[in-house]
Amino acid sequence: TEFTVEDVPLLDELAELLGSAPQQTQAR
């Protein structure tokens, strides 16, 4: 249920592939 140390690079890779979600961009 919790993210692990090994999930960190997977999240970072996904962030690179996804970019900012529209709601995140609007919030910024």
PDB file of all heavy atoms in Angstrom:
ATOM      1  N   THR A   1       0.831  -1.207   0.000  1.00  0.00           N
ATOM      2  CA  THR A   1       0.000   0.000   0.000  1.00  0.00           C
ATOM      3  C   THR A   1       0.864   1.254   0.000  1.00  0.00           C
ATOM      4  O   THR A   1       0.478   2.285  -0.544  1.00  0.00           O
ATOM      5  CB  THR A   1      -0.924   0.022   1.227  1.00  0.00           C
ATOM      6  OG1 THR A   1      -0.131  -0.109   2.411  1.00  0.00           O
ATOM      7  CG2 THR A   1      -1.916  -1.141   1.160  1.00  0.00           C
ATOM      8  N   GLU A   2       2.044   1.179   0.619  1.00  0.00           N
ATOM      9  CA  GLU A   2       2.952   2.327   0.656  1.00  0.00           C
ATOM     10  C   GLU A   2       3.990   2.207  -0.451  1.00  0.00           C
ATOM     11  O   GLU A   2       4.335   1.109  -0.890  1.00  0.00           O
ATOM     12  CB  GLU A   2       3.667   2.398   2.011  1.00  0.00           C
ATOM     13  CG  GLU A   2       4.526   1.163   2.292  1.00  0.00           C
ATOM     14  CD  GLU A   2       5.254   1.237   3.617  1.00  0.00           C
ATOM     15  OE1 GLU A   2       5.449   2.345   4.127  1.00  0.00           O
ATOM     16  OE2 GLU A   2       5.625   0.168   4.130  1.00  0.00           O
ATOM     17  N   PHE A   3       4.480   3.350  -0.912  1.00  0.00           N
ATOM     18  CA  PHE A   3       5.548   3.332  -1.901  1.00  0.00           C
ATOM     19  C   PHE A   3       6.869   3.005  -1.211  1.00  0.00           C
ATOM     20  O   PHE A   3       7.120   3.408  -0.076  1.00  0.00           O
ATOM     21  CB  PHE A   3       5.654   4.677  -2.613  1.00  0.00           C
ATOM     22  CG  PHE A   3       4.541   4.926  -3.591  1.00  0.00           C
ATOM     23  CD1 PHE A   3       3.770   6.074  -3.506  1.00  0.00           C
ATOM     24  CD2 PHE A   3       4.270   4.018  -4.599  1.00  0.00           C
ATOM     25  CE1 PHE A   3       2.752   6.313  -4.401  1.00  0.00           C
ATOM     26  CE2 PHE A   3       3.245   4.242  -5.501  1.00  0.00           C
ATOM     27  CZ  PHE A   3       2.482   5.392  -5.408  1.00  0.00           C
ATOM     28  N   THR A   4       7.720   2.285  -1.927  1.00  0.00           N
ATOM     29  CA  THR A   4       9.007   1.854  -1.398  1.00  0.00           C
ATOM     30  C   THR A   4      10.144   2.616  -2.071  1.00  0.00           C
ATOM     31  O   THR A   4       9.937   3.364  -3.038  1.00  0.00           O
ATOM     32  CB  THR A   4       9.211   0.355  -1.644  1.00  0.00           C
ATOM     33  OG1 THR A   4       9.288   0.125  -3.066  1.00  0.00           O
ATOM     34  CG2 THR A   4       8.054  -0.450  -1.062  1.00  0.00           C
ATOM     35  N   VAL A   5      11.348   2.392  -1.565  1.00  0.00           N
ATOM     36  CA  VAL A   5      12.540   2.995  -2.180  1.00  0.00           C
ATOM     37  C   VAL A   5      12.639   2.580  -3.650  1.00  0.00           C
ATOM     38  O   VAL A   5      13.012   3.393  -4.509  1.00  0.00           O
ATOM     39  CB  VAL A   5      13.805   2.565  -1.410  1.00  0.00           C
ATOM     40  CG1 VAL A   5      15.068   3.015  -2.153  1.00  0.00           C
ATOM     41  CG2 VAL A   5      13.780   3.130   0.006  1.00  0.00           C
ATOM     42  N   GLU A   6      12.278   1.345  -3.934  1.00  0.00           N
ATOM     43  CA  GLU A   6      12.376   0.854  -5.311  1.00  0.00           C
ATOM     44  C   GLU A   6      11.310   1.452  -6.215  1.00  0.00           C
ATOM     45  O   GLU A   6      11.445   1.420  -7.445  1.00  0.00           O
ATOM     46  CB  GLU A   6      12.264  -0.677  -5.321  1.00  0.00           C
ATOM     47  CG  GLU A   6      13.455  -1.390  -4.715  1.00  0.00           C
ATOM     48  CD  GLU A   6      13.454  -1.360  -3.194  1.00  0.00           C
ATOM     49  OE1 GLU A   6      12.379  -1.145  -2.588  1.00  0.00           O
ATOM     50  OE2 GLU A   6      14.531  -1.567  -2.602  1.00  0.00           O
ATOM     51  N   ASP A   7      10.238   1.998  -5.630  1.00  0.00           N
ATOM     52  CA  ASP A   7       9.200   2.656  -6.431  1.00  0.00           C
ATOM     53  C   ASP A   7       9.606   4.065  -6.860  1.00  0.00           C
ATOM     54  O   ASP A   7       9.046   4.606  -7.811  1.00  0.00           O
ATOM     55  CB  ASP A   7       7.882   2.753  -5.629  1.00  0.00           C
ATOM     56  CG  ASP A   7       7.201   1.412  -5.467  1.00  0.00           C
ATOM     57  OD1 ASP A   7       7.299   0.588  -6.398  1.00  0.00           O
ATOM     58  OD2 ASP A   7       6.588   1.182  -4.410  1.00  0.00           O
ATOM     59  N   VAL A   8      10.554   4.655  -6.141  1.00  0.00           N
ATOM     60  CA  VAL A   8      10.934   6.047  -6.429  1.00  0.00           C
ATOM     61  C   VAL A   8      11.364   6.245  -7.883  1.00  0.00           C
ATOM     62  O   VAL A   8      10.861   7.153  -8.560  1.00  0.00           O
ATOM     63  CB  VAL A   8      12.027   6.519  -5.441  1.00  0.00           C
ATOM     64  CG1 VAL A   8      12.656   7.823  -5.912  1.00  0.00           C
ATOM     65  CG2 VAL A   8      11.425   6.690  -4.052  1.00  0.00           C
ATOM     66  N   PRO A   9      12.292   5.435  -8.414  1.00  0.00           N
ATOM     67  CA  PRO A   9      12.663   5.660  -9.818  1.00  0.00           C
ATOM     68  C   PRO A   9      11.526   5.372 -10.794  1.00  0.00           C
ATOM     69  O   PRO A   9      11.480   5.961 -11.884  1.00  0.00           O
ATOM     70  CB  PRO A   9      13.841   4.701 -10.039  1.00  0.00           C
ATOM     71  CG  PRO A   9      13.736   3.691  -8.965  1.00  0.00           C
ATOM     72  CD  PRO A   9      13.123   4.388  -7.790  1.00  0.00           C
ATOM     73  N   LEU A  10      10.599   4.491 -10.424  1.00  0.00           N
ATOM     74  CA  LEU A  10       9.451   4.227 -11.289  1.00  0.00           C
ATOM     75  C   LEU A  10       8.531   5.440 -11.326  1.00  0.00           C
ATOM     76  O   LEU A  10       8.031   5.829 -12.396  1.00  0.00           O
ATOM     77  CB  LEU A  10       8.686   2.994 -10.797  1.00  0.00           C
ATOM     78  CG  LEU A  10       9.503   1.705 -10.620  1.00  0.00           C
ATOM     79  CD1 LEU A  10       8.585   0.542 -10.247  1.00  0.00           C
ATOM     80  CD2 LEU A  10      10.284   1.370 -11.881  1.00  0.00           C
ATOM     81  N   LEU A  11       8.313   6.058 -10.183  1.00  0.00           N
ATOM     82  CA  LEU A  11       7.505   7.280 -10.131  1.00  0.00           C
ATOM     83  C   LEU A  11       8.162   8.400 -10.927  1.00  0.00           C
ATOM     84  O   LEU A  11       7.497   9.152 -11.638  1.00  0.00           O
ATOM     85  CB  LEU A  11       7.296   7.708  -8.681  1.00  0.00           C
ATOM     86  CG  LEU A  11       6.364   6.847  -7.837  1.00  0.00           C
ATOM     87  CD1 LEU A  11       6.511   7.183  -6.359  1.00  0.00           C
ATOM     88  CD2 LEU A  11       4.915   7.027  -8.283  1.00  0.00           C
ATOM     89  N   ASP A  12       9.478   8.503 -10.795  1.00  0.00           N
ATOM     90  CA  ASP A  12      10.189   9.565 -11.515  1.00  0.00           C
ATOM     91  C   ASP A  12      10.119   9.337 -13.023  1.00  0.00           C
ATOM     92  O   ASP A  12       9.953  10.281 -13.798  1.00  0.00           O
ATOM     93  CB  ASP A  12      11.646   9.610 -11.059  1.00  0.00           C
ATOM     94  CG  ASP A  12      12.334  10.890 -11.478  1.00  0.00           C
ATOM     95  OD1 ASP A  12      12.081  11.927 -10.857  1.00  0.00           O
ATOM     96  OD2 ASP A  12      13.117  10.863 -12.451  1.00  0.00           O
ATOM     97  N   GLU A  13      10.233   8.088 -13.444  1.00  0.00           N
ATOM     98  CA  GLU A  13      10.135   7.771 -14.867  1.00  0.00           C
ATOM     99  C   GLU A  13       8.735   8.098 -15.382  1.00  0.00           C
ATOM    100  O   GLU A  13       8.575   8.650 -16.483  1.00  0.00           O
ATOM    101  CB  GLU A  13      10.450   6.286 -15.085  1.00  0.00           C
ATOM    102  CG  GLU A  13      10.624   5.889 -16.536  1.00  0.00           C
ATOM    103  CD  GLU A  13      11.953   6.316 -17.123  1.00  0.00           C
ATOM    104  OE1 GLU A  13      12.904   6.523 -16.360  1.00  0.00           O
ATOM    105  OE2 GLU A  13      12.037   6.441 -18.368  1.00  0.00           O
ATOM    106  N   LEU A  14       7.726   7.753 -14.597  1.00  0.00           N
ATOM    107  CA  LEU A  14       6.350   8.066 -14.988  1.00  0.00           C
ATOM    108  C   LEU A  14       6.129   9.566 -15.061  1.00  0.00           C
ATOM    109  O   LEU A  14       5.444  10.067 -15.964  1.00  0.00           O
ATOM    110  CB  LEU A  14       5.369   7.432 -14.001  1.00  0.00           C
ATOM    111  CG  LEU A  14       5.187   5.916 -14.125  1.00  0.00           C
ATOM    112  CD1 LEU A  14       4.476   5.347 -12.913  1.00  0.00           C
ATOM    113  CD2 LEU A  14       4.427   5.572 -15.404  1.00  0.00           C
ATOM    114  N   ALA A  15       6.695  10.317 -14.113  1.00  0.00           N
ATOM    115  CA  ALA A  15       6.559  11.776 -14.142  1.00  0.00           C
ATOM    116  C   ALA A  15       7.185  12.344 -15.411  1.00  0.00           C
ATOM    117  O   ALA A  15       6.670  13.307 -15.992  1.00  0.00           O
ATOM    118  CB  ALA A  15       7.203  12.390 -12.905  1.00  0.00           C
ATOM    119  N   GLU A  16       8.279  11.735 -15.844  1.00  0.00           N
ATOM    120  CA  GLU A  16       8.924  12.186 -17.081  1.00  0.00           C
ATOM    121  C   GLU A  16       8.034  11.890 -18.288  1.00  0.00           C
ATOM    122  O   GLU A  16       7.936  12.692 -19.213  1.00  0.00           O
ATOM    123  CB  GLU A  16      10.277  11.470 -17.234  1.00  0.00           C
ATOM    124  CG  GLU A  16      11.195  12.064 -18.276  1.00  0.00           C
ATOM    125  CD  GLU A  16      11.820  13.379 -17.845  1.00  0.00           C
ATOM    126  OE1 GLU A  16      11.651  13.794 -16.686  1.00  0.00           O
ATOM    127  OE2 GLU A  16      12.486  14.001 -18.698  1.00  0.00           O
ATOM    128  N   LEU A  17       7.389  10.735 -18.280  1.00  0.00           N
ATOM    129  CA  LEU A  17       6.512  10.349 -19.386  1.00  0.00           C
ATOM    130  C   LEU A  17       5.205  11.138 -19.385  1.00  0.00           C
ATOM    131  O   LEU A  17       4.659  11.446 -20.454  1.00  0.00           O
ATOM    132  CB  LEU A  17       6.195   8.854 -19.296  1.00  0.00           C
ATOM    133  CG  LEU A  17       7.359   7.884 -19.521  1.00  0.00           C
ATOM    134  CD1 LEU A  17       6.966   6.477 -19.090  1.00  0.00           C
ATOM    135  CD2 LEU A  17       7.791   7.891 -20.993  1.00  0.00           C
ATOM    136  N   LEU A  18       4.706  11.461 -18.196  1.00  0.00           N
ATOM    137  CA  LEU A  18       3.393  12.096 -18.084  1.00  0.00           C
ATOM    138  C   LEU A  18       3.457  13.613 -18.147  1.00  0.00           C
ATOM    139  O   LEU A  18       2.544  14.260 -18.665  1.00  0.00           O
ATOM    140  CB  LEU A  18       2.717  11.676 -16.773  1.00  0.00           C
ATOM    141  CG  LEU A  18       2.299  10.209 -16.683  1.00  0.00           C
ATOM    142  CD1 LEU A  18       1.900   9.869 -15.252  1.00  0.00           C
ATOM    143  CD2 LEU A  18       1.144   9.924 -17.638  1.00  0.00           C
ATOM    144  N   GLY A  19       4.511  14.209 -17.588  1.00  0.00           N
ATOM    145  CA  GLY A  19       4.510  15.657 -17.444  1.00  0.00           C
ATOM    146  C   GLY A  19       3.496  16.043 -16.386  1.00  0.00           C
ATOM    147  O   GLY A  19       2.959  15.210 -15.656  1.00  0.00           O
ATOM    148  N   SER A  20       3.218  17.327 -16.270  1.00  0.00           N
ATOM    149  CA  SER A  20       2.253  17.804 -15.272  1.00  0.00           C
ATOM    150  C   SER A  20       0.835  17.488 -15.712  1.00  0.00           C
ATOM    151  O   SER A  20       0.478  17.682 -16.878  1.00  0.00           O
ATOM    152  CB  SER A  20       2.399  19.306 -15.070  1.00  0.00           C
ATOM    153  OG  SER A  20       3.675  19.605 -14.551  1.00  0.00           O
ATOM    154  N   ALA A  21       0.056  16.983 -14.775  1.00  0.00           N
ATOM    155  CA  ALA A  21      -1.366  16.817 -15.056  1.00  0.00           C
ATOM    156  C   ALA A  21      -2.011  18.185 -15.177  1.00  0.00           C
ATOM    157  O   ALA A  21      -1.537  19.160 -14.591  1.00  0.00           O
ATOM    158  CB  ALA A  21      -2.035  16.014 -13.932  1.00  0.00           C
ATOM    159  N   PRO A  22      -3.096  18.330 -15.954  1.00  0.00           N
ATOM    160  CA  PRO A  22      -3.719  19.641 -16.144  1.00  0.00           C
ATOM    161  C   PRO A  22      -4.031  20.350 -14.831  1.00  0.00           C
ATOM    162  O   PRO A  22      -3.798  21.539 -14.690  1.00  0.00           O
ATOM    163  CB  PRO A  22      -4.998  19.303 -16.925  1.00  0.00           C
ATOM    164  CG  PRO A  22      -4.671  18.031 -17.643  1.00  0.00           C
ATOM    165  CD  PRO A  22      -3.769  17.270 -16.724  1.00  0.00           C
ATOM    166  N   GLN A  23      -4.548  19.610 -13.836  1.00  0.00           N
ATOM    167  CA  GLN A  23      -4.894  20.260 -12.580  1.00  0.00           C
ATOM    168  C   GLN A  23      -3.648  20.731 -11.838  1.00  0.00           C
ATOM    169  O   GLN A  23      -3.670  21.744 -11.139  1.00  0.00           O
ATOM    170  CB  GLN A  23      -5.719  19.326 -11.678  1.00  0.00           C
ATOM    171  CG  GLN A  23      -5.032  18.017 -11.307  1.00  0.00           C
ATOM    172  CD  GLN A  23      -5.324  16.920 -12.307  1.00  0.00           C
ATOM    173  OE1 GLN A  23      -5.541  17.189 -13.487  1.00  0.00           O
ATOM    174  NE2 GLN A  23      -5.351  15.680 -11.831  1.00  0.00           N
ATOM    175  N   GLN A  24      -2.506  19.988 -12.002  1.00  0.00           N
ATOM    176  CA  GLN A  24      -1.263  20.415 -11.369  1.00  0.00           C
ATOM    177  C   GLN A  24      -0.745  21.689 -12.017  1.00  0.00           C
ATOM    178  O   GLN A  24      -0.276  22.601 -11.346  1.00  0.00           O
ATOM    179  CB  GLN A  24      -0.217  19.306 -11.473  1.00  0.00           C
ATOM    180  CG  GLN A  24      -0.571  18.053 -10.669  1.00  0.00           C
ATOM    181  CD  GLN A  24       0.384  16.929 -10.954  1.00  0.00           C
ATOM    182  OE1 GLN A  24       0.784  16.711 -12.098  1.00  0.00           O
ATOM    183  NE2 GLN A  24       0.759  16.206  -9.919  1.00  0.00           N
ATOM    184  N   THR A  25      -0.803  21.727 -13.343  1.00  0.00           N
ATOM    185  CA  THR A  25      -0.361  22.917 -14.065  1.00  0.00           C
ATOM    186  C   THR A  25      -1.193  24.123 -13.661  1.00  0.00           C
ATOM    187  O   THR A  25      -0.669  25.214 -13.423  1.00  0.00           O
ATOM    188  CB  THR A  25      -0.486  22.686 -15.585  1.00  0.00           C
ATOM    189  OG1 THR A  25       0.266  21.530 -15.936  1.00  0.00           O
ATOM    190  CG2 THR A  25       0.037  23.873 -16.367  1.00  0.00           C
ATOM    191  N   GLN A  26      -2.504  23.932 -13.560  1.00  0.00           N
ATOM    192  CA  GLN A  26      -3.385  25.035 -13.181  1.00  0.00           C
ATOM    193  C   GLN A  26      -3.086  25.504 -11.762  1.00  0.00           C
ATOM    194  O   GLN A  26      -3.064  26.696 -11.476  1.00  0.00           O
ATOM    195  CB  GLN A  26      -4.851  24.586 -13.289  1.00  0.00           C
ATOM    196  CG  GLN A  26      -5.849  25.720 -13.040  1.00  0.00           C
ATOM    197  CD  GLN A  26      -5.707  26.817 -14.080  1.00  0.00           C
ATOM    198  OE1 GLN A  26      -5.645  26.546 -15.272  1.00  0.00           O
ATOM    199  NE2 GLN A  26      -5.626  28.065 -13.634  1.00  0.00           N
ATOM    200  N   ALA A  27      -2.835  24.543 -10.860  1.00  0.00           N
ATOM    201  CA  ALA A  27      -2.528  24.915  -9.479  1.00  0.00           C
ATOM    202  C   ALA A  27      -1.245  25.729  -9.415  1.00  0.00           C
ATOM    203  O   ALA A  27      -1.152  26.712  -8.683  1.00  0.00           O
ATOM    204  CB  ALA A  27      -2.404  23.654  -8.615  1.00  0.00           C
ATOM    205  N   ARG A  28      -0.227  25.319 -10.196  1.00  0.00           N
ATOM    206  CA  ARG A  28       1.028  26.068 -10.211  1.00  0.00           C
ATOM    207  C   ARG A  28       0.826  27.457 -10.788  1.00  0.00           C
ATOM    208  O   ARG A  28       1.341  28.448 -10.277  1.00  0.00           O
ATOM    209  CB  ARG A  28       2.091  25.301 -11.010  1.00  0.00           C
ATOM    210  CG  ARG A  28       3.460  25.966 -10.961  1.00  0.00           C
ATOM    211  CD  ARG A  28       4.528  25.135 -11.651  1.00  0.00           C
ATOM    212  NE  ARG A  28       4.274  25.026 -13.070  1.00  0.00           N
ATOM    213  CZ  ARG A  28       3.950  23.905 -13.691  1.00  0.00           C
ATOM    214  NH1 ARG A  28       3.824  22.790 -13.011  1.00  0.00           N
ATOM    215  NH2 ARG A  28       3.748  23.885 -15.002  1.00  0.00           N
TER     216      ARG A  28
END
